Amino acid sequence: MLKGDFHIHTRYSMDCHNELEEIIARCQELGINCIAISDHDATEGAFKMKDMAPFKVIVAEEVLTPSGEVMGLFLKEHIASGLSIERAMDTIHAQGGLVSIPHPFDPLRGLRLNDEGWQKIIGQVDILEVFNARCPFGRPATRAKAYAREQGLPGIAGSDAHSIGEIGNAIVELAEFDTPEEFLQSLRKARINGKRSSPFVHFHSTWSKIRNAF
């Protein structure tokens, strides 16, 4: 059985200073043995982590589109931000990756799509993030869970950690997997546990952005 946190950032994100070694140590402390490194517009940290970590690492990336962010999982190379959401999802699938929508209904960070827009893209979506520990309200998670059930999509969860202390605020317990297809099957039977992070964690991200700007 795996214990995973499928949304973690590293210092390769513009709003984070988590060192790879610190992430590994924190995961081992918590018994986490499967993670997705999902930096903003970067995969370098994820590939390095995959080589370093003594546990399973999924190379992921949050790709910014004009409609909001989409996440690619099981990537083989970096995807540039700025693509249309349809093109970004096509590019993820062309690499053999999976498309996940992070914090889909968060009022501040969710996709900027109406019902018609969702209907246009939902056929390309493989996974919905149904719990994001950085979302301060419960309603977006409730809506995401309901929408995932309605569309027959597996749910996923992540801490969205931009600081070491946030890692593990969302945990997915699932069966072992080796391929993206097996990962989807495991997610359908997974158990998700989580707690919302303090709203003050967003100040950490803001400070990191300022530091990186200079």
Protein backbone atom coordinates (compact mmCIF):
# COMPACT_ATOMS: atom_id res chain seq x y z
CA MET A 1 0.00 0.00 0.00
CA LEU A 2 1.26 3.46 -0.91
CA LYS A 3 0.82 6.65 1.06
CA GLY A 4 0.96 9.57 -1.35
CA ASP A 5 0.87 13.35 -1.51
CA PHE A 6 0.29 14.22 -5.15
CA HIS A 7 0.84 17.98 -5.22
CA ILE A 8 4.18 19.20 -3.85
CA HIS A 9 6.31 22.15 -4.96
CA THR A 10 10.07 22.67 -4.82
CA ARG A 11 12.46 25.58 -5.13
CA TYR A 12 12.10 25.25 -8.90
CA SER A 13 8.67 26.91 -8.58
CA MET A 14 8.78 30.71 -8.58
CA ASP A 15 6.85 30.85 -5.29
CA CYS A 16 8.60 28.16 -3.25
CA HIS A 17 11.95 27.49 -1.56
CA ASN A 18 11.57 23.82 -0.59
CA GLU A 19 14.89 22.05 -1.07
CA LEU A 20 14.68 18.53 -2.49
CA GLU A 21 16.57 17.01 0.42
CA GLU A 22 14.17 18.63 2.89
CA ILE A 23 11.16 17.22 1.04
CA ILE A 24 12.63 13.71 1.11
CA ALA A 25 13.36 13.96 4.84
CA ARG A 26 9.85 15.22 5.63
CA CYS A 27 8.21 12.48 3.57
CA GLN A 28 10.26 9.81 5.32
CA GLU A 29 9.34 11.31 8.68
CA LEU A 30 5.63 11.06 7.80
CA GLY A 31 5.81 7.65 6.13
CA ILE A 32 4.93 9.08 2.72
CA ASN A 33 6.32 6.79 0.01
CA CYS A 34 4.83 8.23 -3.17
CA ILE A 35 4.70 11.86 -4.32
CA ALA A 36 4.09 14.01 -7.35
CA ILE A 37 6.42 16.98 -7.77
CA SER A 38 4.30 19.52 -9.60
CA ASP A 39 6.20 22.77 -9.94
CA HIS A 40 4.84 25.78 -11.77
CA ASP A 41 6.19 25.87 -15.34
CA ALA A 42 9.11 23.59 -14.44
CA THR A 43 10.01 19.90 -14.37
CA GLU A 44 13.71 20.08 -13.48
CA GLY A 45 13.06 19.59 -9.78
CA ALA A 46 10.76 16.64 -10.44
CA PHE A 47 13.33 14.84 -12.59
CA LYS A 48 16.05 15.44 -10.00
CA MET A 49 13.77 14.22 -7.23
CA LYS A 50 12.98 11.07 -9.21
CA ASP A 51 16.71 10.25 -9.26
CA MET A 52 17.28 11.15 -5.61
CA ALA A 53 14.29 9.90 -3.64
CA PRO A 54 14.21 6.40 -2.09
CA PHE A 55 10.50 6.18 -2.92
CA LYS A 56 8.19 6.53 -5.92
CA VAL A 57 8.14 9.97 -7.59
CA ILE A 58 5.77 11.08 -10.35
CA VAL A 59 7.11 13.82 -12.61
CA ALA A 60 4.37 16.42 -12.84
CA GLU A 61 3.94 20.09 -13.73
CA GLU A 62 1.33 22.78 -13.25
CA VAL A 63 0.92 24.40 -16.65
CA LEU A 64 -0.64 27.85 -16.74
CA THR A 65 -3.11 28.40 -19.58
CA PRO A 66 -5.36 31.40 -20.32
CA SER A 67 -8.17 29.39 -18.69
CA GLY A 68 -6.22 28.52 -15.53
CA GLU A 69 -3.88 25.73 -14.50
CA VAL A 70 -3.83 22.13 -15.64
CA MET A 71 -1.49 19.50 -14.25
CA GLY A 72 0.35 16.91 -16.27
CA LEU A 73 1.37 13.70 -14.49
CA PHE A 74 3.93 11.13 -15.73
CA LEU A 75 5.61 13.71 -17.94
CA LYS A 76 8.72 13.06 -19.98
CA GLU A 77 9.59 16.70 -20.67
CA HIS A 78 8.71 20.26 -19.71
CA ILE A 79 5.60 21.92 -21.16
CA ALA A 80 5.68 25.68 -21.65
CA SER A 81 3.00 27.81 -20.07
CA GLY A 82 0.79 30.01 -22.22
CA LEU A 83 -0.72 27.29 -24.39
CA SER A 84 -4.49 27.09 -24.72
CA ILE A 85 -6.00 24.64 -22.28
CA GLU A 86 -6.88 22.25 -25.11
CA ARG A 87 -3.34 22.39 -26.52
CA ALA A 88 -1.80 21.89 -23.07
CA MET A 89 -3.89 18.77 -22.49
CA ASP A 90 -3.06 17.43 -25.94
CA THR A 91 0.64 17.95 -25.21
CA ILE A 92 0.37 16.08 -21.90
CA HIS A 93 -1.35 13.15 -23.56
CA ALA A 94 1.18 13.15 -26.41
CA GLN A 95 3.85 12.35 -23.80
CA GLY A 96 1.82 9.46 -22.46
CA GLY A 97 0.89 11.53 -19.41
CA LEU A 98 -2.34 12.06 -17.53
CA VAL A 99 -4.30 15.30 -17.28
CA SER A 100 -5.38 16.34 -13.80
CA ILE A 101 -7.21 19.55 -12.95
CA PRO A 102 -5.84 21.02 -9.70
CA HIS A 103 -8.17 22.92 -7.35
CA PRO A 104 -10.80 22.95 -10.14
CA PHE A 105 -13.49 25.00 -8.38
CA ASP A 106 -11.40 27.14 -6.06
CA PRO A 107 -12.87 30.65 -6.43
CA LEU A 108 -9.39 32.19 -6.68
CA ARG A 109 -7.36 29.48 -8.41
CA GLY A 110 -9.88 27.31 -10.27
CA LEU A 111 -10.44 27.08 -14.00
CA ARG A 112 -12.11 30.13 -15.51
CA LEU A 113 -14.69 28.14 -17.43
CA ASN A 114 -18.47 28.18 -17.55
CA ASP A 115 -20.53 25.01 -17.91
CA GLU A 116 -20.14 25.06 -21.69
CA GLY A 117 -16.38 25.44 -21.35
CA TRP A 118 -16.18 22.47 -18.99
CA GLN A 119 -18.17 20.35 -21.41
CA LYS A 120 -15.69 21.15 -24.17
CA ILE A 121 -12.66 19.94 -22.19
CA ILE A 122 -13.97 17.24 -19.86
CA GLY A 123 -13.38 14.48 -22.40
CA GLN A 124 -9.64 15.20 -22.19
CA VAL A 125 -9.49 15.15 -18.38
CA ASP A 126 -8.25 11.98 -16.66
CA ILE A 127 -8.34 13.04 -13.00
CA LEU A 128 -9.88 15.75 -10.82
CA GLU A 129 -8.20 17.03 -7.69
CA VAL A 130 -11.02 16.62 -5.18
CA PHE A 131 -9.09 17.89 -2.16
CA ASN A 132 -6.43 20.60 -2.08
CA ALA A 133 -5.20 21.46 1.40
CA ARG A 134 -4.53 25.08 0.45
CA CYS A 135 -8.15 25.77 -0.38
CA PRO A 136 -9.55 27.55 2.71
CA PHE A 137 -13.17 26.58 2.07
CA GLY A 138 -14.93 23.22 2.01
CA ARG A 139 -17.41 23.89 -0.78
CA PRO A 140 -14.92 23.65 -3.71
CA ALA A 141 -13.88 20.16 -2.55
CA THR A 142 -17.50 19.07 -2.18
CA ARG A 143 -18.26 20.33 -5.67
CA ALA A 144 -15.16 18.65 -7.12
CA LYS A 145 -16.07 15.29 -5.56
CA ALA A 146 -19.61 15.52 -6.94
CA TYR A 147 -18.39 16.50 -10.40
CA ALA A 148 -15.84 13.68 -10.45
CA ARG A 149 -18.59 11.17 -9.61
CA GLU A 150 -20.89 12.67 -12.24
CA GLN A 151 -18.20 12.40 -14.93
CA GLY A 152 -16.89 9.01 -13.82
CA LEU A 153 -13.42 10.39 -13.09
CA PRO A 154 -11.08 9.27 -10.30
CA GLY A 155 -10.24 11.83 -7.65
CA ILE A 156 -6.84 12.79 -6.32
CA ALA A 157 -5.59 14.96 -3.47
CA GLY A 158 -2.52 16.95 -2.59
CA SER A 159 -1.19 19.31 0.03
CA ASP A 160 -0.09 21.81 -2.65
CA ALA A 161 2.85 22.27 -0.29
CA HIS A 162 4.93 25.38 -0.84
CA SER A 163 6.55 24.94 2.58
CA ILE A 164 7.94 21.84 4.25
CA GLY A 165 5.39 21.90 7.06
CA GLU A 166 2.49 21.58 4.62
CA ILE A 167 3.62 18.24 3.21
CA GLY A 168 1.21 15.49 4.22
CA ASN A 169 -1.78 17.77 4.81
CA ALA A 170 -3.46 15.68 2.12
CA ILE A 171 -2.83 11.95 1.87
CA VAL A 172 -4.00 9.38 -0.68
CA GLU A 173 -3.73 5.72 0.32
CA LEU A 174 -3.70 3.52 -2.76
CA ALA A 175 -2.45 0.24 -4.17
CA GLU A 176 0.92 -0.11 -5.87
CA PHE A 177 1.15 0.87 -9.54
CA ASP A 178 3.76 0.94 -12.29
CA THR A 179 2.05 2.67 -15.22
CA PRO A 180 -0.29 5.63 -15.69
CA GLU A 181 -3.12 3.22 -16.46
CA GLU A 182 -2.51 1.28 -13.24
CA PHE A 183 -2.34 4.59 -11.36
CA LEU A 184 -5.84 5.48 -12.59
CA GLN A 185 -7.12 2.08 -11.48
CA SER A 186 -5.53 2.50 -8.05
CA LEU A 187 -7.03 5.97 -7.63
CA ARG A 188 -10.53 4.61 -8.19
CA LYS A 189 -10.15 2.49 -5.04
CA ALA A 190 -8.04 4.93 -3.06
CA ARG A 191 -8.80 6.48 0.31
CA ILE A 192 -8.27 10.22 0.75
CA ASN A 193 -7.58 11.96 4.05
CA GLY A 194 -6.68 15.57 4.59
CA LYS A 195 -6.83 18.74 6.59
CA ARG A 196 -6.93 22.30 5.36
CA SER A 197 -3.71 24.25 5.75
CA SER A 198 -3.67 27.52 7.64
CA PRO A 199 -4.52 30.50 5.41
CA PHE A 200 -1.20 32.00 6.53
CA VAL A 201 0.71 29.55 4.30
CA HIS A 202 -0.10 31.84 1.38
CA PHE A 203 2.13 34.50 2.94
CA HIS A 204 5.00 32.02 2.60
CA SER A 205 4.34 31.79 -1.15
CA THR A 206 4.15 35.57 -1.50
CA TRP A 207 7.43 36.02 0.36
CA SER A 208 9.07 33.39 -1.85
CA LYS A 209 7.92 35.26 -4.96
CA ILE A 210 9.44 38.47 -3.62
CA ARG A 211 12.73 36.73 -2.77
CA ASN A 212 12.92 35.14 -6.20
CA ALA A 213 12.18 38.46 -7.88
CA PHE A 214 15.37 39.85 -6.37
